[in-house]
């Protein structure tokens, strides 16, 4: 395998696991945002707002009530203002949720070709362990050699090359033909 293909394939593997991690974090963020949306909607539906009395509001029943040309009282205006703030917050949170979901879909499209390559062919447990250690967990060859090959680094380097050759072979069969 030439050096350029080797580096490109390694880059794809690093990128694949980086994208999977980003998707995982975005999924967590989406769950949190969805909970916020539900909480804000509940607050709006149940008018769960707090309006603080100000100088325009009558502190007791003995005073005259101010009237407005629209017929709204100061307290009503305050409640409407608080509900509008909640609606603005709901719009912001919803927008962020939609952006995160769009990013997740984009990452899924980007990882789909390599996901096929890593899951469809029968890769051995040893190959998958090596790929996980090297490209997902970013372990060095010394660590991988000690963990898998009795400390023989040359075996780890040779296995990496064999694994990458297999991935290139499977990618030509199962990978994305449009790229």
Foldseek 3Di string as FASTA:
>chain_A
DDPVLLVVLLVLLLLLLVLVVLLVVLVVVLVVLVVVLVVLVVCLVVLVDDFDDDPQQDPDPPDDADADPVRDGPVRVRSVVRSVVSVVVSVVSVVVSVVSVVSSVVSCVSNVQLVCLVPVDPDDPLLVVLSCVCRNVVDDLQVNCVVPPVRDSVVSVVSSVVSSVSSVVSSVVRGDPVD
